[in-house]
Protein backbone atom coordinates (compact mmCIF):
# COMPACT_ATOMS: atom_id res chain seq x y z
CA MET A 1 -12.84 5.93 30.32
CA SER A 2 -14.98 8.67 28.75
CA GLU A 3 -18.18 8.14 26.66
CA THR A 4 -16.80 8.49 23.58
CA GLU A 5 -13.55 6.56 23.71
CA ARG A 6 -13.33 3.42 22.25
CA ILE A 7 -11.93 -0.13 23.44
CA GLY A 8 -9.31 -1.18 21.48
CA ASN A 9 -10.75 -2.38 18.04
CA SER A 10 -14.26 -2.84 19.13
CA TYR A 11 -17.30 -1.38 17.58
CA ARG A 12 -19.55 0.87 19.34
CA ALA A 13 -23.41 -0.03 19.86
CA VAL A 14 -26.29 1.92 21.14
CA VAL A 15 -29.35 0.07 22.40
CA VAL A 16 -33.07 1.50 22.18
CA ASP A 17 -36.08 0.25 23.63
CA ASP A 18 -38.68 1.48 25.71
CA GLU A 19 -38.77 -1.58 28.08
CA PRO A 20 -35.71 -1.36 30.45
CA MET A 21 -35.59 -5.24 30.98
CA ALA A 22 -35.23 -5.40 26.87
CA VAL A 23 -32.57 -3.12 27.29
CA LYS A 24 -30.68 -5.16 30.00
CA ALA A 25 -31.00 -8.48 28.06
CA ILE A 26 -29.60 -6.94 24.81
CA CYS A 27 -26.48 -5.36 26.88
CA ARG A 28 -25.96 -8.60 28.85
CA ILE A 29 -26.29 -10.88 25.48
CA ILE A 30 -23.62 -8.22 23.84
CA GLU A 31 -21.16 -8.19 26.81
CA LYS A 32 -20.98 -11.61 27.42
CA HIS A 33 -21.21 -13.35 23.74
CA CYS A 34 -19.92 -10.39 20.96
CA PRO A 35 -16.66 -9.51 22.13
CA ALA A 36 -16.22 -7.55 18.75
CA PHE A 37 -18.91 -4.88 20.27
CA GLU A 38 -19.11 -2.67 23.28
CA VAL A 39 -22.19 -1.03 24.55
CA ALA A 40 -21.56 2.70 24.11
CA GLY A 41 -25.09 4.03 25.19
CA THR A 42 -28.74 3.05 25.65
CA ALA A 43 -32.17 5.00 25.47
CA GLU A 44 -35.47 4.59 26.19
CA ASN A 45 -37.12 6.28 22.81
CA GLY A 46 -36.27 7.67 19.52
CA VAL A 47 -35.76 11.35 20.62
CA GLN A 48 -33.21 10.32 23.37
CA ALA A 49 -31.73 7.87 21.30
CA LEU A 50 -30.75 10.26 18.58
CA GLU A 51 -28.91 12.57 21.17
CA VAL A 52 -26.98 9.21 22.62
CA ILE A 53 -26.08 8.40 18.86
CA ARG A 54 -24.86 12.21 18.27
CA GLN A 55 -22.87 11.75 21.38
CA THR A 56 -21.23 8.62 20.93
CA ARG A 57 -20.85 8.36 17.21
CA PRO A 58 -21.61 4.64 17.23
CA ASP A 59 -21.09 1.77 14.46
CA LEU A 60 -24.41 0.11 15.19
CA VAL A 61 -28.02 1.09 16.60
CA LEU A 62 -30.12 -1.73 17.78
CA THR A 63 -33.52 -0.23 18.12
CA ASP A 64 -37.21 -1.19 18.93
CA ILE A 65 -39.73 -0.15 16.20
CA ALA A 66 -42.58 0.67 18.49
CA MET A 67 -41.87 3.51 20.90
CA PRO A 68 -42.61 6.86 22.23
CA LEU A 69 -42.22 10.20 20.89
CA MET A 70 -40.47 8.64 18.07
CA SER A 71 -40.63 5.26 16.14
CA GLY A 72 -37.42 3.16 15.50
CA LEU A 73 -38.25 3.63 11.73
CA GLU A 74 -38.03 7.31 12.51
CA LEU A 75 -35.03 7.01 14.13
CA VAL A 76 -33.50 4.99 11.57
CA ARG A 77 -34.41 7.76 9.01
CA GLU A 78 -33.21 10.81 10.94
CA ALA A 79 -29.93 9.11 12.37
CA ALA A 80 -28.99 7.60 8.90
CA GLY A 81 -29.27 11.02 7.29
CA GLU A 82 -26.83 12.51 9.77
CA MET A 83 -24.39 9.34 9.91
CA PRO A 84 -24.77 7.46 6.17
CA ASP A 85 -22.13 4.99 7.50
CA LEU A 86 -24.35 4.01 10.48
CA SER A 87 -25.78 0.33 10.86
CA PHE A 88 -28.83 -0.56 12.05
CA VAL A 89 -30.65 -3.66 13.26
CA ILE A 90 -34.46 -3.22 14.28
CA ILE A 91 -36.17 -5.07 17.37
CA SER A 92 -39.86 -5.91 17.00
CA GLY A 93 -42.47 -7.48 19.47
CA TYR A 94 -44.83 -7.89 16.05
CA GLN A 95 -44.62 -10.26 13.53
CA ASP A 96 -45.11 -7.71 11.15
CA PHE A 97 -43.10 -7.97 7.81
CA GLU A 98 -44.59 -4.70 6.31
CA TYR A 99 -42.32 -3.02 9.03
CA VAL A 100 -39.41 -5.41 8.21
CA ARG A 101 -39.53 -4.29 4.53
CA ASP A 102 -40.00 -0.68 5.45
CA ALA A 103 -36.83 -0.96 7.60
CA ILE A 104 -34.72 -2.82 4.81
CA ARG A 105 -35.49 -0.18 2.26
CA ASN A 106 -33.89 2.26 4.71
CA GLY A 107 -30.82 0.49 5.35
CA VAL A 108 -31.32 -1.78 8.06
CA LEU A 109 -29.15 -4.93 7.86
CA ASP A 110 -31.12 -7.28 10.32
CA TYR A 111 -33.90 -7.52 12.53
CA LEU A 112 -34.73 -9.57 15.63
CA THR A 113 -38.17 -10.40 17.32
CA LYS A 114 -39.00 -10.40 20.87
CA PRO A 115 -38.22 -12.15 23.38
CA ILE A 116 -34.65 -11.36 22.45
CA VAL A 117 -32.49 -14.35 22.97
CA PRO A 118 -28.51 -15.26 22.16
CA SER A 119 -29.48 -17.37 19.18
CA GLN A 120 -31.13 -14.32 17.67
CA VAL A 121 -28.40 -11.77 18.52
CA LEU A 122 -25.25 -13.75 17.62
CA PRO A 123 -26.11 -14.37 13.98
CA ALA A 124 -27.22 -10.84 13.50
CA LEU A 125 -24.33 -9.17 15.28
CA ASN A 126 -21.77 -11.70 13.08
CA ASN A 127 -23.25 -10.09 9.88
CA VAL A 128 -22.78 -6.87 11.02
CA GLU A 129 -19.28 -7.38 12.57
CA LYS A 130 -18.47 -8.67 8.90
CA LYS A 131 -19.83 -5.68 7.05
CA LEU A 132 -18.20 -3.09 9.78
CA LYS A 133 -14.78 -4.97 9.47
CA ARG A 134 -14.84 -4.58 5.44
CA PHE A 135 -15.98 -0.77 5.85
CA TYR A 136 -13.40 -0.24 8.52
CA TYR A 137 -10.74 -1.85 6.45
CA GLU A 138 -11.66 0.11 3.54
CA ARG A 139 -11.78 3.32 5.13
CA ARG A 140 -8.08 2.81 6.76
CA ASN A 141 -6.63 2.22 3.47
CA ASP A 142 -8.37 5.25 2.03
CA ILE A 143 -6.92 7.52 4.93
CA LEU A 144 -3.67 5.99 4.51
CA ARG A 145 -3.69 6.71 0.76
CA LYS A 146 -4.62 10.08 1.41
CA ILE A 147 -2.06 10.98 3.87
CA CYS A 148 0.59 9.22 1.83
CA ARG A 149 -0.24 11.52 -1.21
CA GLY A 150 -0.10 14.45 1.16
CA GLU A 151 -3.56 15.27 1.40
CA THR A 152 -5.38 15.99 4.81
CA ALA A 153 -7.25 13.52 6.84
CA ALA A 154 -9.59 14.55 9.64
CA GLN A 155 -8.33 13.89 13.21
CA GLU A 156 -11.76 12.29 13.94
CA GLU A 157 -11.59 9.90 11.05
CA ILE A 158 -8.34 8.67 12.22
CA ASN A 159 -9.49 8.55 15.76
CA ARG A 160 -12.49 6.43 14.42
CA PHE A 161 -10.79 3.86 12.19
CA PHE A 162 -7.46 3.65 13.62
CA PRO A 163 -8.89 3.30 17.31
CA TYR A 164 -5.81 2.75 19.43
CA LYS A 165 -4.03 5.26 21.53
CA GLU A 166 -0.40 4.79 20.44
CA PHE A 167 1.13 3.64 17.30
CA TYR A 168 4.48 2.38 15.67
CA ALA A 169 5.33 3.28 12.17
CA ALA A 170 8.04 1.92 9.55
CA LEU A 171 8.34 2.18 5.93
CA LEU A 172 10.20 -0.45 4.29
CA ARG A 173 11.42 0.18 0.56
CA GLU A 174 12.93 -2.27 -1.75
CA ASN A 175 15.55 -0.81 -4.26
CA GLY A 176 14.63 2.83 -5.97
CA LEU A 177 11.79 4.99 -5.56
CA PRO A 178 8.38 5.02 -7.19
CA ARG A 179 8.02 5.93 -10.60
CA ARG A 180 6.57 9.34 -11.23
CA TYR A 181 5.50 9.79 -14.68
CA SER A 182 5.34 6.32 -16.74
CA PRO A 183 2.23 5.04 -17.92
CA ALA A 184 3.21 1.38 -16.00
CA ARG A 185 3.01 2.69 -12.61
CA GLU A 186 2.76 -0.61 -10.44
CA PRO A 187 -0.52 -1.16 -8.84
CA GLU A 188 -0.82 0.14 -4.90
CA ILE A 189 -0.86 -2.49 -2.27
CA TYR A 190 -2.51 -3.01 0.94
CA GLY A 191 -2.58 -5.05 4.06
CA THR A 192 -5.58 -8.00 4.45
CA MET A 193 -8.35 -7.66 6.59
CA ASP A 194 -6.82 -10.68 8.49
CA GLU A 195 -3.74 -8.48 9.34
CA THR A 196 -3.83 -6.71 12.94
CA TYR A 197 -1.87 -3.76 11.61
CA SER A 198 -2.58 -1.52 8.75
CA VAL A 199 -0.13 -1.69 5.60
CA TYR A 200 -0.06 0.64 2.16
CA GLY A 201 2.32 0.52 -0.49
CA ARG A 202 2.54 2.99 -3.59
CA ASP A 203 3.50 -0.18 -5.32
CA HIS A 204 4.75 -3.76 -4.68
CA MET A 205 8.40 -2.68 -3.72
CA GLU A 206 7.01 -0.46 -0.80
CA GLU A 207 5.08 -0.93 2.55
CA LEU A 208 4.44 1.29 5.08
CA PHE A 209 3.49 -0.26 8.37
CA LEU A 210 1.14 1.45 10.90
CA ILE A 211 1.06 -0.66 14.02
CA PRO A 212 -1.00 -0.37 17.62
CA LYS A 213 1.66 -0.55 20.43
CA GLU A 214 -0.78 -3.42 22.05
CA MET A 215 0.12 -5.62 18.81
CA LEU A 216 4.09 -5.99 19.54
CA GLY A 217 3.37 -6.98 23.00
CA GLY A 218 6.65 -5.40 24.34
CA GLN A 219 8.94 -6.53 21.07
CA PRO A 220 11.17 -3.71 19.89
CA LEU A 221 9.62 -2.65 16.76
CA LEU A 222 13.35 -2.88 14.82
CA GLU A 223 13.29 -6.63 15.80
CA TYR A 224 10.03 -7.09 14.16
CA MET A 225 10.97 -5.36 10.94
CA ASN A 226 14.18 -6.80 10.64
CA ARG A 227 12.37 -10.20 10.33
CA VAL A 228 10.03 -9.03 8.07
CA THR A 229 12.73 -7.65 5.66
CA GLN A 230 14.66 -10.94 5.77
CA ARG A 231 11.55 -12.66 4.83
CA GLN A 232 10.34 -10.41 2.04
CA LYS A 233 13.81 -8.94 0.51
CA THR A 234 14.71 -10.46 -3.07
CA GLU A 235 18.39 -11.83 -3.30
CA GLY A 236 20.71 -9.13 -4.83
CA SER A 237 18.35 -6.08 -3.91
CA TYR A 238 18.81 -3.31 -1.21
CA THR A 239 16.27 -2.06 1.37
CA THR A 240 15.74 1.48 2.84
CA LEU A 241 13.98 1.16 6.25
CA LEU A 242 13.05 4.34 8.09
CA TYR A 243 11.04 3.66 11.47
CA TYR A 244 9.91 5.21 14.90
CA GLY A 245 11.21 3.14 17.38
CA ASN A 246 9.31 4.92 20.23
CA ALA A 247 5.42 4.63 20.08
CA PHE A 248 3.75 7.87 19.45
CA PRO A 249 -0.05 8.97 20.04
CA ALA A 250 -2.48 8.84 17.26
CA GLU A 251 -3.11 12.23 16.67
CA GLU A 252 0.45 12.22 15.22
CA VAL A 253 -0.16 9.70 12.63
CA PRO A 254 -0.39 12.28 9.34
CA GLU A 255 2.57 13.91 10.47
CA ARG A 256 5.03 10.85 11.34
CA ILE A 257 3.90 9.36 8.00
CA ARG A 258 4.61 12.80 6.10
CA GLU A 259 8.14 12.32 7.82
CA LEU A 260 8.75 8.71 6.86
CA TYR A 261 8.17 9.85 3.11
CA HIS A 262 10.06 13.06 3.24
CA TRP A 263 13.17 11.25 4.67
CA LEU A 264 12.81 8.25 2.30
CA ASN A 265 13.10 10.89 -0.59
CA ASN A 266 16.19 12.44 0.77
CA LEU A 267 17.93 9.35 2.19
CA SER A 268 17.30 6.61 -0.50
CA THR A 269 20.41 5.84 -2.31
CA VAL A 270 20.98 3.64 -5.15
CA GLY A 271 22.53 0.32 -4.25
CA TYR A 272 22.79 1.10 -0.58
CA THR A 273 21.09 -0.53 2.34
CA GLN A 274 20.03 1.51 4.96
CA THR A 275 18.33 1.28 8.55
CA VAL A 276 17.23 4.69 10.22
CA ASN A 277 15.41 5.62 13.15
CA LEU A 278 13.80 8.45 12.80
CA ASP A 279 13.45 9.06 16.71
CA LYS A 280 17.04 10.44 16.10
CA LYS A 281 16.62 12.93 13.20
CA GLN A 282 18.99 15.35 14.63
CA LEU A 283 21.79 12.68 13.51
CA LEU A 284 20.55 12.78 9.79
CA ALA A 285 21.28 16.53 8.86
CA GLY A 286 24.80 15.89 8.05
CA ARG A 287 23.79 12.94 5.80
CA LEU A 288 22.29 15.20 3.24
CA PRO A 289 24.49 16.93 0.27
CA ALA A 290 23.87 20.58 -0.28
CA PRO A 291 22.43 21.69 -3.15
CA ASP A 292 25.28 22.50 -5.53
CA THR A 293 24.36 23.66 -8.72
CA THR A 294 27.71 25.19 -9.34
CA GLU A 295 29.08 21.55 -9.48
CA LEU A 296 26.47 20.61 -12.65
CA THR A 297 27.12 24.04 -14.14
CA GLU A 298 31.02 23.42 -14.22
CA LEU A 299 30.13 19.70 -15.54
CA PHE A 300 27.93 20.87 -18.24
CA LYS A 301 30.61 23.84 -19.32
CA GLU A 302 33.12 21.19 -19.95
CA LEU A 303 30.89 18.73 -21.80
CA GLU A 304 29.89 21.82 -24.13
CA GLN A 305 33.48 22.14 -25.15
CA TYR A 306 34.20 18.58 -26.23
CA ALA A 307 30.64 18.54 -27.96
CA LYS A 308 31.69 21.60 -30.13
CA VAL A 309 34.63 19.57 -31.58
CA ARG A 310 32.62 16.08 -31.47
CA ARG A 311 34.78 14.34 -29.05
CA PHE A 312 32.01 12.01 -27.66
CA ASP A 313 34.81 9.80 -26.00
CA GLN A 314 35.72 12.82 -23.70
CA ILE A 315 32.18 13.21 -23.09
CA GLN A 316 31.66 9.74 -21.86
CA LYS A 317 34.83 10.17 -19.78
CA CYS A 318 33.50 13.19 -18.07
CA ILE A 319 30.29 11.88 -17.44
CA ASP A 320 31.94 8.45 -16.07
CA HIS A 321 34.06 10.57 -13.76
CA ALA A 322 31.31 12.42 -12.34
CA TYR A 323 29.18 9.22 -11.43
CA ALA A 324 32.39 7.74 -10.08
CA GLN A 325 32.90 10.65 -7.82
CA TRP A 326 28.90 10.85 -6.92
CA GLU A 327 29.07 7.18 -5.94
CA LYS A 328 31.77 7.78 -3.33
CA GLU A 329 29.67 10.72 -1.93
CA ARG A 330 26.53 8.39 -1.64
CA ARG A 331 24.28 10.83 -3.45
CA PRO A 332 20.78 10.23 -3.03
CA GLN A 333 18.56 8.78 -5.59
CA VAL A 334 16.33 12.06 -6.17
CA TRP A 335 19.63 14.09 -6.67
CA LEU A 336 21.38 11.61 -9.11
CA GLU A 337 17.68 11.56 -11.27
CA HIS A 338 18.09 15.31 -11.42
CA ALA A 339 21.68 15.22 -12.76
CA SER A 340 20.89 12.35 -15.07
CA ARG A 341 18.06 13.85 -16.78
CA ARG A 342 20.09 16.98 -17.48
CA ILE A 343 22.98 14.61 -18.96
CA LEU A 344 20.49 12.59 -20.90
CA ASN A 345 19.06 15.97 -22.32
CA PHE A 346 22.51 17.04 -23.16
CA VAL A 347 23.34 13.76 -24.92
CA ARG A 348 19.90 13.83 -26.95
CA LEU A 349 20.86 17.29 -28.09
CA HIS A 350 24.30 16.55 -29.37
CA THR A 351 23.71 13.42 -30.77
CA GLY A 352 20.83 13.57 -32.76
CA ASP A 353 19.08 11.17 -30.77
CA GLU A 354 15.82 10.02 -32.43
CA GLU A 355 14.13 8.52 -29.36
CA SER A 356 10.98 10.35 -28.44
CA LEU A 357 11.36 12.61 -25.32
CA ILE A 358 8.59 10.81 -23.38
CA GLU A 359 10.11 7.45 -24.23
CA SER A 360 13.50 8.83 -22.90
CA GLU A 361 11.69 9.71 -19.71
CA TYR A 362 10.05 6.30 -19.06
CA GLN A 363 13.42 4.41 -19.93
CA LEU A 364 15.28 6.90 -17.38
CA GLU A 365 12.63 6.12 -14.56
CA ASP A 366 13.00 2.41 -15.31
CA THR A 367 16.61 2.62 -15.15
CA PHE A 368 16.48 3.85 -11.39
CA TYR A 369 13.60 1.84 -10.53
CA TYR A 370 15.49 -1.58 -11.74
CA SER A 371 18.95 -0.97 -10.57
CA THR A 372 19.95 -2.72 -7.67
CA SER A 373 23.78 -1.42 -7.58
CA MET A 374 25.64 1.94 -8.50
CA GLU A 375 27.61 -0.46 -10.74
CA MET A 376 24.46 -1.50 -12.50
CA LEU A 377 22.86 2.00 -12.59
CA LYS A 378 25.84 3.28 -14.04
CA THR A 379 26.04 0.46 -16.86
CA ASN A 380 22.31 1.21 -17.77
CA LEU A 381 22.82 4.86 -17.79
CA GLN A 382 25.66 4.13 -20.44
CA ASN A 383 23.36 2.38 -22.60
CA LEU A 384 20.84 4.86 -22.14
CA PHE A 385 23.12 7.94 -23.04
CA TYR A 386 25.18 6.09 -25.71
CA ARG A 387 22.25 3.80 -27.24
CA PHE A 388 22.68 5.32 -30.59
CA ARG A 389 25.67 2.92 -30.53
CA GLU A 390 23.80 -0.11 -30.12
CA LYS A 391 20.41 0.84 -31.62
CA GLU A 392 20.62 -0.63 -34.92
CA HIS A 393 21.85 -4.23 -33.60
CA GLU A 394 19.07 -4.37 -30.53
CA THR A 395 16.26 -2.91 -33.04
CA ALA A 396 17.10 -6.06 -35.64
CA LYS A 397 17.34 -8.52 -33.23
CA ALA A 398 14.46 -7.98 -30.86
CA ASP A 399 11.85 -5.98 -32.16
CA SER A 400 9.55 -8.64 -33.04
CA PRO A 401 6.66 -10.31 -31.76
CA GLU A 402 8.45 -13.78 -32.05
CA PHE A 403 11.41 -12.49 -30.02
CA PHE A 404 9.28 -11.09 -27.24
CA GLY A 405 7.13 -14.47 -27.40
CA ASN A 406 10.34 -15.89 -26.37
CA ILE A 407 10.71 -13.73 -23.61
CA GLU A 408 7.20 -14.48 -22.16
CA LYS A 409 7.83 -18.39 -22.37
CA TYR A 410 10.85 -18.00 -20.63
CA LEU A 411 9.06 -15.88 -17.75
CA LYS A 412 6.30 -18.79 -17.57
CA ASN A 413 9.00 -21.27 -16.97
CA HIS A 414 10.88 -19.73 -14.14
CA LEU A 415 7.57 -18.27 -12.11
CA SER A 416 9.30 -19.59 -8.92
CA GLU A 417 12.35 -18.06 -9.46
CA PRO A 418 13.10 -14.34 -7.81
CA LEU A 419 13.95 -13.22 -11.70
CA SER A 420 14.99 -9.71 -11.96
CA LEU A 421 14.89 -7.47 -15.08
CA GLN A 422 18.43 -7.37 -15.25
CA GLU A 423 18.79 -11.18 -15.29
CA LEU A 424 16.03 -11.39 -17.95
CA SER A 425 17.86 -8.74 -19.93
CA ASP A 426 21.31 -10.63 -19.61
CA TYR A 427 19.73 -13.79 -20.62
CA PHE A 428 18.47 -12.65 -24.00
CA ALA A 429 21.49 -10.13 -24.20
CA ILE A 430 19.93 -6.96 -24.50
CA SER A 431 20.02 -3.90 -22.22
CA GLN A 432 17.70 -3.38 -19.49
CA ALA A 433 16.26 0.08 -20.99
CA TYR A 434 15.61 -1.80 -24.39
CA MET A 435 13.67 -4.57 -22.49
CA SER A 436 11.50 -2.21 -20.60
CA LYS A 437 10.71 -0.66 -23.80
CA LEU A 438 9.70 -4.26 -25.28
CA PHE A 439 7.17 -4.81 -22.14
CA ARG A 440 5.63 -1.50 -22.69
CA LYS A 441 5.19 -2.18 -26.68
CA TYR A 442 4.16 -5.55 -26.30
CA THR A 443 2.05 -5.87 -22.92
CA GLY A 444 1.58 -1.98 -22.22
CA GLN A 445 2.77 -2.87 -18.92
CA SER A 446 5.97 -2.52 -16.84
CA TYR A 447 7.94 -5.90 -16.42
CA ASN A 448 6.77 -5.99 -12.83
CA GLN A 449 3.19 -5.71 -13.49
CA TYR A 450 3.70 -8.39 -16.39
CA PHE A 451 5.39 -10.76 -14.28
CA THR A 452 3.20 -10.64 -10.98
CA GLY A 453 0.26 -11.08 -13.37
CA ILE A 454 1.48 -13.99 -14.65
CA ARG A 455 2.42 -15.20 -11.26
CA MET A 456 -0.76 -14.32 -9.85
CA GLU A 457 -2.83 -16.04 -12.49
CA ARG A 458 -0.67 -19.05 -11.58
CA ALA A 459 -1.30 -18.92 -8.34
CA LYS A 460 -5.34 -19.13 -9.10
CA GLN A 461 -5.10 -22.01 -11.35
CA LEU A 462 -2.88 -23.95 -8.64
CA MET A 463 -5.52 -22.87 -5.74
CA LYS A 464 -8.40 -23.68 -8.08
CA GLU A 465 -6.57 -27.55 -9.13
CA ASN A 466 -5.84 -28.40 -5.67
CA ARG A 467 -8.27 -26.80 -2.51
CA ALA A 468 -6.18 -28.71 -0.10
CA LEU A 469 -2.85 -26.47 -0.66
CA PHE A 470 -1.79 -24.50 2.16
CA VAL A 471 -1.09 -20.36 1.16
CA LYS A 472 2.19 -20.67 2.38
CA ASP A 473 2.85 -23.65 -0.37
CA VAL A 474 0.93 -21.69 -3.22
CA ALA A 475 3.24 -18.51 -2.43
CA GLU A 476 6.37 -20.54 -2.70
CA MET A 477 5.30 -22.14 -6.10
CA VAL A 478 4.95 -18.91 -7.56
CA GLY A 479 8.38 -17.00 -6.21
CA TYR A 480 7.09 -15.67 -2.80
CA ARG A 481 9.00 -16.70 0.49
CA ASP A 482 6.58 -14.74 2.68
CA GLN A 483 3.09 -15.65 2.50
CA PHE A 484 2.01 -12.50 4.19
CA TYR A 485 3.71 -10.32 1.37
CA PHE A 486 2.04 -12.99 -1.05
CA SER A 487 -1.23 -12.46 0.22
CA ARG A 488 -1.21 -8.69 0.07
CA ILE A 489 -0.18 -8.67 -3.62
CA PHE A 490 -2.48 -11.51 -4.55
CA HIS A 491 -5.39 -9.39 -2.81
CA SER A 492 -4.16 -6.23 -4.66
CA TYR A 493 -4.57 -8.30 -7.79
CA THR A 494 -7.69 -10.10 -7.61
CA GLY A 495 -9.54 -8.11 -4.81
CA LYS A 496 -9.76 -11.42 -2.81
CA ARG A 497 -7.71 -12.93 -0.02
CA PRO A 498 -5.82 -16.31 -1.05
CA ALA A 499 -7.89 -18.17 1.91
CA ASP A 500 -11.02 -17.17 0.32
CA TYR A 501 -10.18 -18.29 -3.25
CA LEU A 502 -9.20 -21.44 -1.81
CA ASN A 503 -12.33 -21.81 0.16
CA GLY A 504 -14.40 -20.45 -2.79
């Protein structure tokens, strides 16, 4: 193994002391008692240490204070100036707390006094490990988020913060694609520090898994992901699972993630569960419909003819026929959204719809986000396209704080149930689009955001009242079958793991 290679997920340490026996003692303690660390290099003075640090790019430097050529404090200042994320523990043969105070001011985490013994080293390195674990976790999340947004991540960063040679990757999406315009965007989701792989989602309906090859122990990725899907899938929903069944080298991480999102946009189809192995991309070309502007042009020519003579019944028949055809062809969501947006604008223009353009856009996004079948999508789109027929009835019945108060009360009484927006809308006898509008008006949030929020607040209350509860029990009590998924949602909402909250 070369000097700059990392062993698994261990942290790299450089030991600096002008006494060879002290260096040996510290290295022996690290190798024997501190499995989270590996010794990447040693040095006998500050000048030599600076070169070793530049070559090995460690996470931690343990350095004596009193050394020839360059003192330990000078080394800390120089090295921290070049690598601000570097952690330091100083070693001193002097009981001089002026040195210690100066060191702490320069970002040193801890200090040790000679002679060095394991009982001193272990607590210090445990503290460093906690700090580095949090730091690595946050940086991994930042890198994943950056890649998923189409930004560039430096290969050096990927190698450092994803320190494995090979990875598997999978993207699991429940129901429709994320919103792109609505102010009620769902919060992002990240895996917890306890998990041995990285998870990122643009909202709570999505999870990107980046799994080191070693973590699966020879288990096929698809087998593992099928279990994850079954644990997390909401009854009645559909899922799109894209994955790479063969492990790939770390340098390919950005490209593979970009491809996962590219194919999600191209393949996600309302109401249809799909599992696609992207190692076989050559088989996917025939599944994408060719862009056909002529088809939509002809449709709108026909709609224009009926609009001139105010035949709205024929307009509806034409639109219904088009969606029935598109359903047979399994048109991807992106294509259907484009067509639906054009139809909505056409209907607005010819019916004098008074709804604001931006509110119409929000409602269209919600319709695709929450529809779990093409039948539901068509029904919800009809309500959106022809809402002028029901607008007066729904507004009189539903647009009041008292009515929305009943909705809130109903949700709080059904926290343990996988209650969809459509089921809630059916119960209160209003359209899904109108229900979404009520949530935006009275809470400033989407339905998902609001329901997740009251579930998480209830989970916090349960854990506060009974510290003996298991995370699995709390998850089930607030409507989550998979405790790991619940933990990710809880962490994204509170910034804490459920276990930390229980122990707090």
